[in-house]
Amino acid sequence: MVATDWARQTPLYDPVSHLVYATHGDDVQSVIINGRVVMRDRQVLTLDEKQVLSDARAMAESVKKAVGP
């Protein structure tokens, strides 16, 4: 679901065009994939957010070390 009552979404002439060209990630409130709710009220239900962030930070350190100063 996308919040369509925000300024960025107004006026809404063509919903598909708006999704492609005007909608930003922070406009999305809920996501359903193949009937499975994966995000509700901006909370991801299928991933451990702390673990994902920790893994990303560890990978960033690995890249820094590989690339050098």
PDB file of N, CA and C in Angstrom:
ATOM      1  N   MET A   1       0.836  -1.176   0.000  1.00  0.00           N
ATOM      2  CA  MET A   1       0.000   0.000   0.000  1.00  0.00           C
ATOM      3  C   MET A   1       0.882   1.241   0.000  1.00  0.00           C
ATOM      4  N   VAL A   2       0.429   2.232  -0.691  1.00  0.00           N
ATOM      5  CA  VAL A   2       1.146   3.497  -0.768  1.00  0.00           C
ATOM      6  C   VAL A   2       0.226   4.594  -0.266  1.00  0.00           C
ATOM      7  N   ALA A   3       0.764   5.477   0.553  1.00  0.00           N
ATOM      8  CA  ALA A   3      -0.020   6.618   1.029  1.00  0.00           C
ATOM      9  C   ALA A   3      -0.251   7.555  -0.142  1.00  0.00           C
ATOM     10  N   THR A   4      -1.488   7.722  -0.540  1.00  0.00           N
ATOM     11  CA  THR A   4      -1.793   8.563  -1.702  1.00  0.00           C
ATOM     12  C   THR A   4      -2.338   9.931  -1.318  1.00  0.00           C
ATOM     13  N   ASP A   5      -2.393  10.231  -0.033  1.00  0.00           N
ATOM     14  CA  ASP A   5      -2.932  11.518   0.391  1.00  0.00           C
ATOM     15  C   ASP A   5      -1.831  12.522   0.731  1.00  0.00           C
ATOM     16  N   TRP A   6      -0.578  12.185   0.473  1.00  0.00           N
ATOM     17  CA  TRP A   6       0.521  13.090   0.752  1.00  0.00           C
ATOM     18  C   TRP A   6       0.741  14.025  -0.431  1.00  0.00           C
ATOM     19  N   ALA A   7       1.397  15.137  -0.188  1.00  0.00           N
ATOM     20  CA  ALA A   7       1.600  16.161  -1.216  1.00  0.00           C
ATOM     21  C   ALA A   7       2.276  15.594  -2.462  1.00  0.00           C
ATOM     22  N   ARG A   8       3.265  14.731  -2.274  1.00  0.00           N
ATOM     23  CA  ARG A   8       3.988  14.176  -3.419  1.00  0.00           C
ATOM     24  C   ARG A   8       3.070  13.360  -4.329  1.00  0.00           C
ATOM     25  N   GLN A   9       2.000  12.834  -3.783  1.00  0.00           N
ATOM     26  CA  GLN A   9       1.089  11.982  -4.541  1.00  0.00           C
ATOM     27  C   GLN A   9      -0.112  12.747  -5.108  1.00  0.00           C
ATOM     28  N   THR A  10      -0.115  14.074  -4.941  1.00  0.00           N
ATOM     29  CA  THR A  10      -1.257  14.870  -5.362  1.00  0.00           C
ATOM     30  C   THR A  10      -0.867  15.820  -6.476  1.00  0.00           C
ATOM     31  N   PRO A  11      -1.621  15.926  -7.543  1.00  0.00           N
ATOM     32  CA  PRO A  11      -2.818  15.172  -7.867  1.00  0.00           C
ATOM     33  C   PRO A  11      -2.443  13.794  -8.433  1.00  0.00           C
ATOM     34  N   LEU A  12      -3.310  12.853  -8.249  1.00  0.00           N
ATOM     35  CA  LEU A  12      -3.098  11.485  -8.710  1.00  0.00           C
ATOM     36  C   LEU A  12      -3.978  11.223  -9.921  1.00  0.00           C
ATOM     37  N   TYR A  13      -3.366  11.250 -11.106  1.00  0.00           N
ATOM     38  CA  TYR A  13      -4.112  11.019 -12.339  1.00  0.00           C
ATOM     39  C   TYR A  13      -4.038   9.553 -12.773  1.00  0.00           C
ATOM     40  N   ASP A  14      -2.846   8.992 -12.711  1.00  0.00           N
ATOM     41  CA  ASP A  14      -2.624   7.632 -13.188  1.00  0.00           C
ATOM     42  C   ASP A  14      -1.837   6.871 -12.118  1.00  0.00           C
ATOM     43  N   PRO A  15      -2.477   5.978 -11.367  1.00  0.00           N
ATOM     44  CA  PRO A  15      -1.812   5.293 -10.257  1.00  0.00           C
ATOM     45  C   PRO A  15      -0.544   4.536 -10.667  1.00  0.00           C
ATOM     46  N   VAL A  16      -0.549   3.881 -11.801  1.00  0.00           N
ATOM     47  CA  VAL A  16       0.635   3.131 -12.238  1.00  0.00           C
ATOM     48  C   VAL A  16       1.782   4.090 -12.530  1.00  0.00           C
ATOM     49  N   SER A  17       1.505   5.165 -13.242  1.00  0.00           N
ATOM     50  CA  SER A  17       2.525   6.157 -13.540  1.00  0.00           C
ATOM     51  C   SER A  17       3.081   6.759 -12.246  1.00  0.00           C
ATOM     52  N   HIS A  18       2.215   7.029 -11.302  1.00  0.00           N
ATOM     53  CA  HIS A  18       2.661   7.576 -10.016  1.00  0.00           C
ATOM     54  C   HIS A  18       3.585   6.613  -9.290  1.00  0.00           C
ATOM     55  N   LEU A  19       3.239   5.334  -9.286  1.00  0.00           N
ATOM     56  CA  LEU A  19       4.102   4.347  -8.631  1.00  0.00           C
ATOM     57  C   LEU A  19       5.494   4.343  -9.238  1.00  0.00           C
ATOM     58  N   VAL A  20       5.563   4.481 -10.548  1.00  0.00           N
ATOM     59  CA  VAL A  20       6.848   4.420 -11.245  1.00  0.00           C
ATOM     60  C   VAL A  20       7.633   5.730 -11.109  1.00  0.00           C
ATOM     61  N   TYR A  21       6.967   6.865 -11.282  1.00  0.00           N
ATOM     62  CA  TYR A  21       7.678   8.128 -11.408  1.00  0.00           C
ATOM     63  C   TYR A  21       7.640   9.051 -10.192  1.00  0.00           C
ATOM     64  N   ALA A  22       6.671   8.918  -9.313  1.00  0.00           N
ATOM     65  CA  ALA A  22       6.539   9.882  -8.220  1.00  0.00           C
ATOM     66  C   ALA A  22       6.730   9.274  -6.833  1.00  0.00           C
ATOM     67  N   THR A  23       6.465   8.004  -6.700  1.00  0.00           N
ATOM     68  CA  THR A  23       6.499   7.376  -5.384  1.00  0.00           C
ATOM     69  C   THR A  23       7.925   7.103  -4.928  1.00  0.00           C
ATOM     70  N   HIS A  24       8.191   7.396  -3.672  1.00  0.00           N
ATOM     71  CA  HIS A  24       9.482   7.127  -3.042  1.00  0.00           C
ATOM     72  C   HIS A  24       9.313   5.970  -2.063  1.00  0.00           C
ATOM     73  N   GLY A  25      10.402   5.384  -1.658  1.00  0.00           N
ATOM     74  CA  GLY A  25      10.361   4.263  -0.731  1.00  0.00           C
ATOM     75  C   GLY A  25       9.644   4.576   0.559  1.00  0.00           C
ATOM     76  N   ASP A  26       9.789   5.802   1.055  1.00  0.00           N
ATOM     77  CA  ASP A  26       9.138   6.145   2.321  1.00  0.00           C
ATOM     78  C   ASP A  26       7.633   6.365   2.183  1.00  0.00           C
ATOM     79  N   ASP A  27       7.109   6.301   0.964  1.00  0.00           N
ATOM     80  CA  ASP A  27       5.662   6.366   0.760  1.00  0.00           C
ATOM     81  C   ASP A  27       5.003   5.006   0.978  1.00  0.00           C
ATOM     82  N   VAL A  28       5.791   3.955   0.930  1.00  0.00           N
ATOM     83  CA  VAL A  28       5.250   2.600   1.029  1.00  0.00           C
ATOM     84  C   VAL A  28       5.007   2.243   2.487  1.00  0.00           C
ATOM     85  N   GLN A  29       3.795   1.774   2.765  1.00  0.00           N
ATOM     86  CA  GLN A  29       3.434   1.411   4.132  1.00  0.00           C
ATOM     87  C   GLN A  29       3.401  -0.096   4.332  1.00  0.00           C
ATOM     88  N   SER A  30       2.914  -0.824   3.361  1.00  0.00           N
ATOM     89  CA  SER A  30       2.790  -2.272   3.461  1.00  0.00           C
ATOM     90  C   SER A  30       3.120  -2.910   2.117  1.00  0.00           C
ATOM     91  N   VAL A  31       3.669  -4.128   2.177  1.00  0.00           N
ATOM     92  CA  VAL A  31       4.023  -4.847   0.961  1.00  0.00           C
ATOM     93  C   VAL A  31       3.514  -6.277   1.081  1.00  0.00           C
ATOM     94  N   ILE A  32       2.857  -6.747   0.021  1.00  0.00           N
ATOM     95  CA  ILE A  32       2.360  -8.120  -0.044  1.00  0.00           C
ATOM     96  C   ILE A  32       2.950  -8.746  -1.299  1.00  0.00           C
ATOM     97  N   ILE A  33       3.621  -9.888  -1.140  1.00  0.00           N
ATOM     98  CA  ILE A  33       4.220 -10.596  -2.263  1.00  0.00           C
ATOM     99  C   ILE A  33       3.625 -11.996  -2.322  1.00  0.00           C
ATOM    100  N   ASN A  34       2.998 -12.320  -3.438  1.00  0.00           N
ATOM    101  CA  ASN A  34       2.353 -13.627  -3.606  1.00  0.00           C
ATOM    102  C   ASN A  34       1.434 -13.969  -2.432  1.00  0.00           C
ATOM    103  N   GLY A  35       0.691 -12.994  -1.960  1.00  0.00           N
ATOM    104  CA  GLY A  35      -0.255 -13.207  -0.876  1.00  0.00           C
ATOM    105  C   GLY A  35       0.350 -13.186   0.515  1.00  0.00           C
ATOM    106  N   ARG A  36       1.666 -13.023   0.610  1.00  0.00           N
ATOM    107  CA  ARG A  36       2.353 -13.013   1.911  1.00  0.00           C
ATOM    108  C   ARG A  36       2.708 -11.580   2.297  1.00  0.00           C
ATOM    109  N   VAL A  37       2.277 -11.152   3.473  1.00  0.00           N
ATOM    110  CA  VAL A  37       2.603  -9.810   3.952  1.00  0.00           C
ATOM    111  C   VAL A  37       4.058  -9.824   4.417  1.00  0.00           C
ATOM    112  N   VAL A  38       4.905  -9.040   3.763  1.00  0.00           N
ATOM    113  CA  VAL A  38       6.313  -8.983   4.141  1.00  0.00           C
ATOM    114  C   VAL A  38       6.664  -7.677   4.858  1.00  0.00           C
ATOM    115  N   MET A  39       5.798  -6.665   4.726  1.00  0.00           N
ATOM    116  CA  MET A  39       5.972  -5.422   5.468  1.00  0.00           C
ATOM    117  C   MET A  39       4.595  -4.885   5.815  1.00  0.00           C
ATOM    118  N   ARG A  40       4.418  -4.514   7.070  1.00  0.00           N
ATOM    119  CA  ARG A  40       3.146  -3.948   7.522  1.00  0.00           C
ATOM    120  C   ARG A  40       3.456  -2.716   8.370  1.00  0.00           C
ATOM    121  N   ASP A  41       2.796  -1.616   8.050  1.00  0.00           N
ATOM    122  CA  ASP A  41       2.994  -0.352   8.778  1.00  0.00           C
ATOM    123  C   ASP A  41       4.480   0.011   8.889  1.00  0.00           C
ATOM    124  N   ARG A  42       5.177  -0.161   7.755  1.00  0.00           N
ATOM    125  CA  ARG A  42       6.601   0.174   7.619  1.00  0.00           C
ATOM    126  C   ARG A  42       7.527  -0.705   8.466  1.00  0.00           C
ATOM    127  N   GLN A  43       7.042  -1.822   8.941  1.00  0.00           N
ATOM    128  CA  GLN A  43       7.860  -2.769   9.693  1.00  0.00           C
ATOM    129  C   GLN A  43       8.065  -4.022   8.849  1.00  0.00           C
ATOM    130  N   VAL A  44       9.324  -4.331   8.531  1.00  0.00           N
ATOM    131  CA  VAL A  44       9.624  -5.534   7.763  1.00  0.00           C
ATOM    132  C   VAL A  44       9.412  -6.735   8.680  1.00  0.00           C
ATOM    133  N   LEU A  45       8.631  -7.685   8.201  1.00  0.00           N
ATOM    134  CA  LEU A  45       8.257  -8.837   9.025  1.00  0.00           C
ATOM    135  C   LEU A  45       9.093 -10.074   8.716  1.00  0.00           C
ATOM    136  N   THR A  46       9.855 -10.056   7.641  1.00  0.00           N
ATOM    137  CA  THR A  46      10.532 -11.262   7.182  1.00  0.00           C
ATOM    138  C   THR A  46      12.041 -11.252   7.406  1.00  0.00           C
ATOM    139  N   LEU A  47      12.591 -10.171   7.910  1.00  0.00           N
ATOM    140  CA  LEU A  47      14.028 -10.065   8.136  1.00  0.00           C
ATOM    141  C   LEU A  47      14.298  -9.543   9.536  1.00  0.00           C
ATOM    142  N   ASP A  48      15.460  -9.906  10.068  1.00  0.00           N
ATOM    143  CA  ASP A  48      15.919  -9.366  11.340  1.00  0.00           C
ATOM    144  C   ASP A  48      16.726  -8.103  11.029  1.00  0.00           C
ATOM    145  N   GLU A  49      16.114  -6.945  11.224  1.00  0.00           N
ATOM    146  CA  GLU A  49      16.719  -5.678  10.817  1.00  0.00           C
ATOM    147  C   GLU A  49      18.085  -5.468  11.468  1.00  0.00           C
ATOM    148  N   LYS A  50      18.215  -5.763  12.746  1.00  0.00           N
ATOM    149  CA  LYS A  50      19.493  -5.576  13.436  1.00  0.00           C
ATOM    150  C   LYS A  50      20.577  -6.450  12.809  1.00  0.00           C
ATOM    151  N   GLN A  51      20.224  -7.682  12.463  1.00  0.00           N
ATOM    152  CA  GLN A  51      21.196  -8.586  11.855  1.00  0.00           C
ATOM    153  C   GLN A  51      21.592  -8.113  10.465  1.00  0.00           C
ATOM    154  N   VAL A  52      20.632  -7.646   9.693  1.00  0.00           N
ATOM    155  CA  VAL A  52      20.920  -7.140   8.347  1.00  0.00           C
ATOM    156  C   VAL A  52      21.877  -5.949   8.427  1.00  0.00           C
ATOM    157  N   LEU A  53      21.618  -5.018   9.337  1.00  0.00           N
ATOM    158  CA  LEU A  53      22.491  -3.852   9.495  1.00  0.00           C
ATOM    159  C   LEU A  53      23.877  -4.255   9.973  1.00  0.00           C
ATOM    160  N   SER A  54      23.948  -5.191  10.894  1.00  0.00           N
ATOM    161  CA  SER A  54      25.229  -5.682  11.381  1.00  0.00           C
ATOM    162  C   SER A  54      26.025  -6.325  10.249  1.00  0.00           C
ATOM    163  N   ASP A  55      25.376  -7.158   9.456  1.00  0.00           N
ATOM    164  CA  ASP A  55      26.044  -7.808   8.319  1.00  0.00           C
ATOM    165  C   ASP A  55      26.526  -6.770   7.308  1.00  0.00           C
ATOM    166  N   ALA A  56      25.722  -5.748   7.049  1.00  0.00           N
ATOM    167  CA  ALA A  56      26.108  -4.707   6.098  1.00  0.00           C
ATOM    168  C   ALA A  56      27.336  -3.945   6.591  1.00  0.00           C
ATOM    169  N   ARG A  57      27.373  -3.655   7.875  1.00  0.00           N
ATOM    170  CA  ARG A  57      28.532  -2.953   8.433  1.00  0.00           C
ATOM    171  C   ARG A  57      29.788  -3.818   8.336  1.00  0.00           C
ATOM    172  N   ALA A  58      29.654  -5.097   8.611  1.00  0.00           N
ATOM    173  CA  ALA A  58      30.788  -6.013   8.516  1.00  0.00           C
ATOM    174  C   ALA A  58      31.283  -6.096   7.071  1.00  0.00           C
ATOM    175  N   MET A  59      30.374  -6.162   6.121  1.00  0.00           N
ATOM    176  CA  MET A  59      30.764  -6.207   4.714  1.00  0.00           C
ATOM    177  C   MET A  59      31.449  -4.918   4.291  1.00  0.00           C
ATOM    178  N   ALA A  60      30.961  -3.788   4.807  1.00  0.00           N
ATOM    179  CA  ALA A  60      31.580  -2.497   4.481  1.00  0.00           C
ATOM    180  C   ALA A  60      33.019  -2.472   4.979  1.00  0.00           C
ATOM    181  N   GLU A  61      33.270  -3.008   6.152  1.00  0.00           N
ATOM    182  CA  GLU A  61      34.635  -3.070   6.685  1.00  0.00           C
ATOM    183  C   GLU A  61      35.511  -3.954   5.810  1.00  0.00           C
ATOM    184  N   SER A  62      34.973  -5.065   5.350  1.00  0.00           N
ATOM    185  CA  SER A  62      35.721  -5.961   4.470  1.00  0.00           C
ATOM    186  C   SER A  62      36.103  -5.259   3.170  1.00  0.00           C
ATOM    187  N   VAL A  63      35.169  -4.494   2.627  1.00  0.00           N
ATOM    188  CA  VAL A  63      35.438  -3.763   1.389  1.00  0.00           C
ATOM    189  C   VAL A  63      36.531  -2.710   1.626  1.00  0.00           C
ATOM    190  N   LYS A  64      36.430  -1.991   2.744  1.00  0.00           N
ATOM    191  CA  LYS A  64      37.448  -0.966   3.068  1.00  0.00           C
ATOM    192  C   LYS A  64      38.829  -1.597   3.139  1.00  0.00           C
ATOM    193  N   LYS A  65      38.933  -2.750   3.805  1.00  0.00           N
ATOM    194  CA  LYS A  65      40.226  -3.423   3.943  1.00  0.00           C
ATOM    195  C   LYS A  65      40.746  -3.905   2.591  1.00  0.00           C
ATOM    196  N   ALA A  66      39.854  -4.402   1.742  1.00  0.00           N
ATOM    197  CA  ALA A  66      40.249  -4.921   0.428  1.00  0.00           C
ATOM    198  C   ALA A  66      40.697  -3.804  -0.504  1.00  0.00           C
ATOM    199  N   VAL A  67      40.062  -2.644  -0.410  1.00  0.00           N
ATOM    200  CA  VAL A  67      40.352  -1.533  -1.297  1.00  0.00           C
ATOM    201  C   VAL A  67      41.590  -0.776  -0.823  1.00  0.00           C
ATOM    202  N   GLY A  68      41.784  -0.718   0.474  1.00  0.00           N
ATOM    203  CA  GLY A  68      42.924  -0.004   1.017  1.00  0.00           C
ATOM    204  C   GLY A  68      42.574   1.432   1.354  1.00  0.00           C
ATOM    205  N   PRO A  69      43.613   2.185   1.738  1.00  0.00           N
ATOM    206  CA  PRO A  69      43.366   3.567   2.190  1.00  0.00           C
ATOM    207  C   PRO A  69      42.855   4.494   1.124  1.00  0.00           C
TER     208      PRO A  69
END
